[in-house]
C-alpha atoms as a PDB file:
ATOM      1  CA  MET A   1     -23.910 -31.160  -8.590  1.00  0.00           C
ATOM      2  CA  HIS A   2     -21.158 -29.997 -11.811  1.00  0.00           C
ATOM      3  CA  ARG A   3     -23.380 -27.444 -12.522  1.00  0.00           C
ATOM      4  CA  ARG A   4     -22.314 -25.499  -9.075  1.00  0.00           C
ATOM      5  CA  PHE A   5     -18.778 -26.310 -10.119  1.00  0.00           C
ATOM      6  CA  ARG A   6     -19.360 -24.275 -12.938  1.00  0.00           C
ATOM      7  CA  SER A   7     -21.000 -21.459 -11.552  1.00  0.00           C
ATOM      8  CA  ARG A   8     -17.555 -19.859 -10.556  1.00  0.00           C
ATOM      9  CA  PRO A   9     -15.422 -19.115 -13.607  1.00  0.00           C
ATOM     10  CA  LYS A  10     -11.690 -17.652 -12.916  1.00  0.00           C
ATOM     11  CA  ALA A  11      -8.915 -16.758 -15.645  1.00  0.00           C
ATOM     12  CA  ALA A  12      -6.901 -19.908 -15.485  1.00  0.00           C
ATOM     13  CA  GLY A  13      -3.705 -19.648 -14.854  1.00  0.00           C
ATOM     14  CA  ALA A  14      -4.202 -16.576 -12.586  1.00  0.00           C
ATOM     15  CA  GLU A  15      -2.518 -16.284  -9.265  1.00  0.00           C
ATOM     16  CA  GLY A  16      -5.448 -16.910  -7.265  1.00  0.00           C
ATOM     17  CA  ASP A  17      -7.454 -18.417 -10.155  1.00  0.00           C
ATOM     18  CA  GLY A  18      -9.434 -21.023  -8.045  1.00  0.00           C
ATOM     19  CA  SER A  19      -7.107 -23.914  -9.575  1.00  0.00           C
ATOM     20  CA  GLN A  20      -6.534 -25.981  -6.576  1.00  0.00           C
ATOM     21  CA  TYR A  21     -10.571 -25.305  -5.795  1.00  0.00           C
ATOM     22  CA  TRP A  22     -10.630 -27.212  -9.604  1.00  0.00           C
ATOM     23  CA  GLN A  23      -8.210 -29.764  -8.789  1.00  0.00           C
ATOM     24  CA  VAL A  24      -9.917 -30.611  -5.179  1.00  0.00           C
ATOM     25  CA  ALA A  25     -13.253 -30.785  -6.529  1.00  0.00           C
ATOM     26  CA  ALA A  26     -11.994 -33.405  -9.362  1.00  0.00           C
ATOM     27  CA  GLU A  27     -10.150 -35.649  -7.086  1.00  0.00           C
ATOM     28  CA  ALA A  28     -13.461 -35.168  -4.665  1.00  0.00           C
ATOM     29  CA  ARG A  29     -15.962 -36.687  -8.136  1.00  0.00           C
ATOM     30  CA  GLY A  30     -13.856 -39.011  -8.548  1.00  0.00           C
ATOM     31  CA  ALA A  31     -13.810 -40.446  -5.094  1.00  0.00           C
ATOM     32  CA  THR A  32     -17.352 -40.992  -5.362  1.00  0.00           C
ATOM     33  CA  LYS A  33     -17.029 -43.874  -8.305  1.00  0.00           C
ATOM     34  CA  GLY A  34     -16.459 -47.322  -7.809  1.00  0.00           C
ATOM     35  CA  PRO A  35     -16.958 -50.500  -4.600  1.00  0.00           C
ATOM     36  CA  ARG A  36     -17.643 -49.211  -1.012  1.00  0.00           C
ATOM     37  CA  ARG A  37     -19.535 -45.844  -2.872  1.00  0.00           C
ATOM     38  CA  ALA A  38     -21.420 -44.582   0.817  1.00  0.00           C
ATOM     39  CA  ASP A  39     -17.385 -44.210   2.036  1.00  0.00           C
ATOM     40  CA  ARG A  40     -16.115 -42.407  -1.361  1.00  0.00           C
ATOM     41  CA  MET A  41     -19.318 -40.082  -1.020  1.00  0.00           C
ATOM     42  CA  ALA A  42     -18.232 -38.863   2.317  1.00  0.00           C
ATOM     43  CA  ARG A  43     -15.150 -38.336   1.358  1.00  0.00           C
ATOM     44  CA  GLY A  44     -15.450 -36.118  -1.520  1.00  0.00           C
ATOM     45  CA  GLN A  45     -18.120 -34.488   0.238  1.00  0.00           C
ATOM     46  CA  ASP A  46     -15.325 -33.696   3.010  1.00  0.00           C
ATOM     47  CA  LEU A  47     -12.882 -32.674   0.369  1.00  0.00           C
ATOM     48  CA  LEU A  48     -15.319 -30.097  -1.412  1.00  0.00           C
ATOM     49  CA  HIS A  49     -16.017 -28.622   1.736  1.00  0.00           C
ATOM     50  CA  ARG A  50     -12.535 -28.120   2.634  1.00  0.00           C
ATOM     51  CA  ALA A  51     -11.912 -26.920  -1.025  1.00  0.00           C
ATOM     52  CA  ARG A  52     -14.810 -24.606  -0.576  1.00  0.00           C
ATOM     53  CA  ALA A  53     -12.944 -23.255   2.571  1.00  0.00           C
ATOM     54  CA  GLU A  54      -9.705 -22.630   1.409  1.00  0.00           C
ATOM     55  CA  ASP A  55     -11.165 -20.357  -1.735  1.00  0.00           C
ATOM     56  CA  VAL A  56     -13.210 -18.262   0.472  1.00  0.00           C
ATOM     57  CA  LEU A  57     -10.072 -17.722   2.645  1.00  0.00           C
ATOM     58  CA  HIS A  58      -8.067 -16.937  -0.458  1.00  0.00           C
ATOM     59  CA  TRP A  59     -10.134 -14.414  -1.867  1.00  0.00           C
ATOM     60  CA  GLN A  60     -11.035 -12.633   1.829  1.00  0.00           C
ATOM     61  CA  GLU A  61      -7.475 -12.440   2.545  1.00  0.00           C
ATOM     62  CA  HIS A  62      -6.916 -10.919  -1.188  1.00  0.00           C
ATOM     63  CA  GLU A  63      -9.805  -7.743  -0.748  1.00  0.00           C
ATOM     64  CA  ARG A  64      -9.319  -7.324   3.235  1.00  0.00           C
ATOM     65  CA  PRO A  65      -7.835  -3.947   3.661  1.00  0.00           C
ATOM     66  CA  ILE A  66      -3.708  -3.767   3.260  1.00  0.00           C
ATOM     67  CA  SER A  67      -3.541  -2.731   6.891  1.00  0.00           C
ATOM     68  CA  ALA A  68      -5.125  -0.434   9.906  1.00  0.00           C
ATOM     69  CA  VAL A  69      -4.088   2.950   9.814  1.00  0.00           C
ATOM     70  CA  ARG A  70      -2.178   3.371  13.112  1.00  0.00           C
ATOM     71  CA  THR A  71      -0.615  -0.060  13.212  1.00  0.00           C
ATOM     72  CA  GLU A  72       3.018  -0.327  13.240  1.00  0.00           C
ATOM     73  CA  ALA A  73       3.057  -3.574  11.191  1.00  0.00           C
ATOM     74  CA  PRO A  74       4.046  -3.085   7.080  1.00  0.00           C
ATOM     75  CA  GLY A  75       1.022  -4.584   4.483  1.00  0.00           C
ATOM     76  CA  PRO A  76       2.160  -7.448   2.137  1.00  0.00           C
ATOM     77  CA  ALA A  77       5.033  -7.340   0.689  1.00  0.00           C
ATOM     78  CA  TRP A  78       3.637  -8.205  -2.536  1.00  0.00           C
ATOM     79  CA  LEU A  79       2.493  -4.382  -2.898  1.00  0.00           C
ATOM     80  CA  THR A  80       5.454  -2.618  -2.330  1.00  0.00           C
ATOM     81  CA  ALA A  81       6.485  -2.197  -5.920  1.00  0.00           C
ATOM     82  CA  TYR A  82       2.722  -0.773  -6.250  1.00  0.00           C
ATOM     83  CA  ASN A  83       2.772   1.956  -3.754  1.00  0.00           C
ATOM     84  CA  LYS A  84       6.245   3.124  -4.057  1.00  0.00           C
ATOM     85  CA  LYS A  85       5.124   4.010  -7.907  1.00  0.00           C
ATOM     86  CA  LEU A  86       2.120   5.336  -6.585  1.00  0.00           C
ATOM     87  CA  VAL A  87       3.965   7.681  -3.517  1.00  0.00           C
ATOM     88  CA  THR A  88       6.849   8.593  -6.334  1.00  0.00           C
ATOM     89  CA  ALA A  89       3.901  10.230  -8.760  1.00  0.00           C
ATOM     90  CA  PHE A  90       2.976  11.794  -5.277  1.00  0.00           C
ATOM     91  CA  VAL A  91       5.976  13.120  -4.176  1.00  0.00           C
ATOM     92  CA  ASP A  92       6.422  14.545  -7.926  1.00  0.00           C
ATOM     93  CA  ARG A  93       3.748  16.412  -8.355  1.00  0.00           C
ATOM     94  CA  LEU A  94       2.656  17.178  -4.505  1.00  0.00           C
ATOM     95  CA  LEU A  95       6.482  18.626  -3.473  1.00  0.00           C
ATOM     96  CA  VAL A  96       8.467  18.737  -6.365  1.00  0.00           C
ATOM     97  CA  THR A  97       5.983  20.764  -8.799  1.00  0.00           C
ATOM     98  CA  LYS A  98       3.674  22.037  -5.881  1.00  0.00           C
ATOM     99  CA  ASP A  99       0.936  21.043  -7.574  1.00  0.00           C
ATOM    100  CA  LEU A 100      -2.375  20.327  -4.588  1.00  0.00           C
ATOM    101  CA  SER A 101      -4.573  18.719  -6.759  1.00  0.00           C
ATOM    102  CA  ALA A 102      -2.166  15.946  -6.446  1.00  0.00           C
ATOM    103  CA  ILE A 103      -3.615  15.740  -2.695  1.00  0.00           C
ATOM    104  CA  ASP A 104      -7.001  14.566  -4.376  1.00  0.00           C
ATOM    105  CA  ALA A 105      -5.863  12.551  -6.850  1.00  0.00           C
ATOM    106  CA  TYR A 106      -4.025  10.497  -4.196  1.00  0.00           C
ATOM    107  CA  VAL A 107      -4.699  11.350  -0.611  1.00  0.00           C
ATOM    108  CA  GLY A 108      -7.633   9.397   0.625  1.00  0.00           C
ATOM    109  CA  PRO A 109     -10.277  10.768   3.211  1.00  0.00           C
ATOM    110  CA  GLU A 110      -8.846   9.257   6.283  1.00  0.00           C
ATOM    111  CA  TYR A 111      -6.067  10.956   5.925  1.00  0.00           C
ATOM    112  CA  ASP A 112      -4.153  10.995   9.853  1.00  0.00           C
ATOM    113  CA  GLN A 113      -1.711  13.577   9.835  1.00  0.00           C
ATOM    114  CA  HIS A 114       1.481  12.603  12.743  1.00  0.00           C
ATOM    115  CA  ASN A 115       2.843  16.096  12.215  1.00  0.00           C
ATOM    116  CA  PRO A 116       1.825  18.495  14.871  1.00  0.00           C
ATOM    117  CA  ASN A 117       1.244  21.659  13.347  1.00  0.00           C
ATOM    118  CA  ILE A 118      -1.136  19.969  10.192  1.00  0.00           C
ATOM    119  CA  PRO A 119      -4.643  19.046  10.518  1.00  0.00           C
ATOM    120  CA  ASP A 120      -6.112  15.553   9.643  1.00  0.00           C
ATOM    121  CA  GLY A 121      -7.432  14.622   6.761  1.00  0.00           C
ATOM    122  CA  VAL A 122      -7.867  15.776   3.350  1.00  0.00           C
ATOM    123  CA  ALA A 123      -8.833  19.690   4.184  1.00  0.00           C
ATOM    124  CA  GLY A 124      -6.221  19.937   6.685  1.00  0.00           C
ATOM    125  CA  VAL A 125      -3.162  18.652   4.611  1.00  0.00           C
ATOM    126  CA  LYS A 126      -4.241  21.001   1.820  1.00  0.00           C
ATOM    127  CA  THR A 127      -4.094  24.042   4.577  1.00  0.00           C
ATOM    128  CA  GLY A 128      -1.134  23.109   5.984  1.00  0.00           C
ATOM    129  CA  LEU A 129       0.962  23.242   2.904  1.00  0.00           C
ATOM    130  CA  GLY A 130      -1.032  25.735   0.573  1.00  0.00           C
ATOM    131  CA  ALA A 131       0.262  27.888   3.152  1.00  0.00           C
ATOM    132  CA  TYR A 132       3.955  26.191   3.169  1.00  0.00           C
ATOM    133  CA  PHE A 133       3.898  27.151  -0.909  1.00  0.00           C
ATOM    134  CA  THR A 134       2.752  30.539  -0.055  1.00  0.00           C
ATOM    135  CA  GLN A 135       5.563  31.603   2.747  1.00  0.00           C
ATOM    136  CA  PHE A 136       8.208  29.826   0.911  1.00  0.00           C
ATOM    137  CA  PRO A 137       7.209  30.940  -2.929  1.00  0.00           C
ATOM    138  CA  GLN A 138      11.069  30.060  -4.071  1.00  0.00           C
ATOM    139  CA  LEU A 139      10.773  26.331  -1.899  1.00  0.00           C
ATOM    140  CA  GLN A 140      12.951  23.783  -3.533  1.00  0.00           C
ATOM    141  CA  ILE A 141      12.178  20.305  -2.716  1.00  0.00           C
ATOM    142  CA  ILE A 142      14.809  17.070  -4.029  1.00  0.00           C
ATOM    143  CA  PRO A 143      13.855  13.829  -3.505  1.00  0.00           C
ATOM    144  CA  LYS A 144      17.435  11.563  -2.630  1.00  0.00           C
ATOM    145  CA  ARG A 145      16.005   7.982  -2.607  1.00  0.00           C
ATOM    146  CA  ILE A 146      12.978   6.134  -1.582  1.00  0.00           C
ATOM    147  CA  VAL A 147      11.798   2.944   0.451  1.00  0.00           C
ATOM    148  CA  ALA A 148       9.328   0.965   0.370  1.00  0.00           C
ATOM    149  CA  GLU A 149       8.257  -1.739   2.526  1.00  0.00           C
ATOM    150  CA  GLY A 150       4.364  -3.598   2.230  1.00  0.00           C
ATOM    151  CA  ASP A 151       2.424  -0.203   2.528  1.00  0.00           C
ATOM    152  CA  LEU A 152       4.876   2.001   4.210  1.00  0.00           C
ATOM    153  CA  VAL A 153       6.988   4.544   1.950  1.00  0.00           C
ATOM    154  CA  ALA A 154       9.787   6.805   2.901  1.00  0.00           C
ATOM    155  CA  VAL A 155      11.041   9.189   1.302  1.00  0.00           C
ATOM    156  CA  HIS A 156      14.435  11.434   2.191  1.00  0.00           C
ATOM    157  CA  SER A 157      14.317  14.681   0.917  1.00  0.00           C
ATOM    158  CA  ASN A 158      16.269  17.799   0.751  1.00  0.00           C
ATOM    159  CA  TYR A 159      13.900  21.006   1.360  1.00  0.00           C
ATOM    160  CA  VAL A 160      15.575  24.271   0.809  1.00  0.00           C
ATOM    161  CA  ASP A 161      13.020  26.666   1.504  1.00  0.00           C
ATOM    162  CA  THR A 162      14.986  29.685   0.023  1.00  0.00           C
ATOM    163  CA  PRO A 163      17.835  29.750  -2.762  1.00  0.00           C
ATOM    164  CA  GLY A 164      21.168  29.976  -1.422  1.00  0.00           C
ATOM    165  CA  THR A 165      20.096  28.187   1.995  1.00  0.00           C
ATOM    166  CA  ARG A 166      21.485  24.760   2.880  1.00  0.00           C
ATOM    167  CA  GLY A 167      18.002  23.620   3.911  1.00  0.00           C
ATOM    168  CA  GLN A 168      16.858  20.607   5.845  1.00  0.00           C
ATOM    169  CA  ALA A 169      17.252  16.667   5.810  1.00  0.00           C
ATOM    170  CA  VAL A 170      13.393  15.300   5.775  1.00  0.00           C
ATOM    171  CA  VAL A 171      12.244  11.826   5.549  1.00  0.00           C
ATOM    172  CA  ASP A 172       8.451  11.516   4.759  1.00  0.00           C
ATOM    173  CA  LEU A 173       7.022   8.105   5.588  1.00  0.00           C
ATOM    174  CA  PHE A 174       3.445   7.621   4.054  1.00  0.00           C
ATOM    175  CA  ARG A 175       1.302   4.591   4.358  1.00  0.00           C
ATOM    176  CA  VAL A 176      -1.213   3.606   1.361  1.00  0.00           C
ATOM    177  CA  ARG A 177      -4.389   1.699   1.601  1.00  0.00           C
ATOM    178  CA  ASP A 178      -6.247   0.383  -1.406  1.00  0.00           C
ATOM    179  CA  GLY A 179      -4.407   2.862  -3.596  1.00  0.00           C
ATOM    180  CA  ARG A 180      -4.919   5.585  -1.130  1.00  0.00           C
ATOM    181  CA  ILE A 181      -2.276   7.619   0.859  1.00  0.00           C
ATOM    182  CA  VAL A 182      -3.868   7.412   4.187  1.00  0.00           C
ATOM    183  CA  GLU A 183      -1.354   8.442   7.288  1.00  0.00           C
ATOM    184  CA  HIS A 184       1.862  10.443   7.249  1.00  0.00           C
ATOM    185  CA  TRP A 185       5.001  11.507   9.483  1.00  0.00           C
ATOM    186  CA  ASP A 186       7.921  13.250   8.895  1.00  0.00           C
ATOM    187  CA  ALA A 187      11.561  13.983  10.498  1.00  0.00           C
ATOM    188  CA  VAL A 188      12.939  16.762   9.699  1.00  0.00           C
ATOM    189  CA  GLN A 189      16.591  17.398  10.655  1.00  0.00           C
ATOM    190  CA  GLU A 190      18.641  21.484   9.302  1.00  0.00           C
ATOM    191  CA  VAL A 191      21.490  21.177   7.408  1.00  0.00           C
ATOM    192  CA  PRO A 192      24.410  21.993  10.092  1.00  0.00           C
ATOM    193  CA  GLU A 193      27.708  24.250   8.400  1.00  0.00           C
ATOM    194  CA  SER A 194      29.918  22.036   9.519  1.00  0.00           C
ATOM    195  CA  SER A 195      30.068  18.091  10.052  1.00  0.00           C
ATOM    196  CA  ALA A 196      32.049  16.169  12.532  1.00  0.00           C
ATOM    197  CA  ASN A 197      32.837  13.682   9.383  1.00  0.00           C
ATOM    198  CA  GLY A 198      33.432  13.843   5.962  1.00  0.00           C
ATOM    199  CA  ASN A 199      29.962  12.727   5.022  1.00  0.00           C
ATOM    200  CA  THR A 200      27.176  14.307   3.628  1.00  0.00           C
ATOM    201  CA  MET A 201      23.198  14.577   5.013  1.00  0.00           C
ATOM    202  CA  PHE A 202      21.724  13.059   2.051  1.00  0.00           C
END
């Protein structure tokens, strides 16, 4: 029985390292010693079964997909910083420098597109953005702020198709799953000549 426990090595002290499993297992071994051995053995077996179940649930929680495409709930908060960094690099490479190879590097094959002018998938976004970059060779996209929650990352930018124009205020919203961007929405608003307040759109 003890040999079975040693066949499950994990890095000591790491998050999810199974330390709770080992603690309960040790308690179970202690429970099988002393008087009333049969009762203590039964209690020990129950503790071991509970430890195994908790260990399996822990790893299942960390190995499952972050969230399904087309859901409203954001993924786990512990991935927020990673996803924000990933989308920032993607936007800098694809939209700021207009490098279409960023799509292969960052976009997943199951990419769902909610912009009605662009087809789904990697091929769709390549075709759509490629045509956009060709139509406006002097396009300038200036990210203003990036906000993230779980697997959702929003990028607020000023898209200026032609130099000297006010451009558009655009919010691109991306969903990240397993280190790939798998879904996209956008909201676009023209920057007007005048405003009812003294604030800019950015």
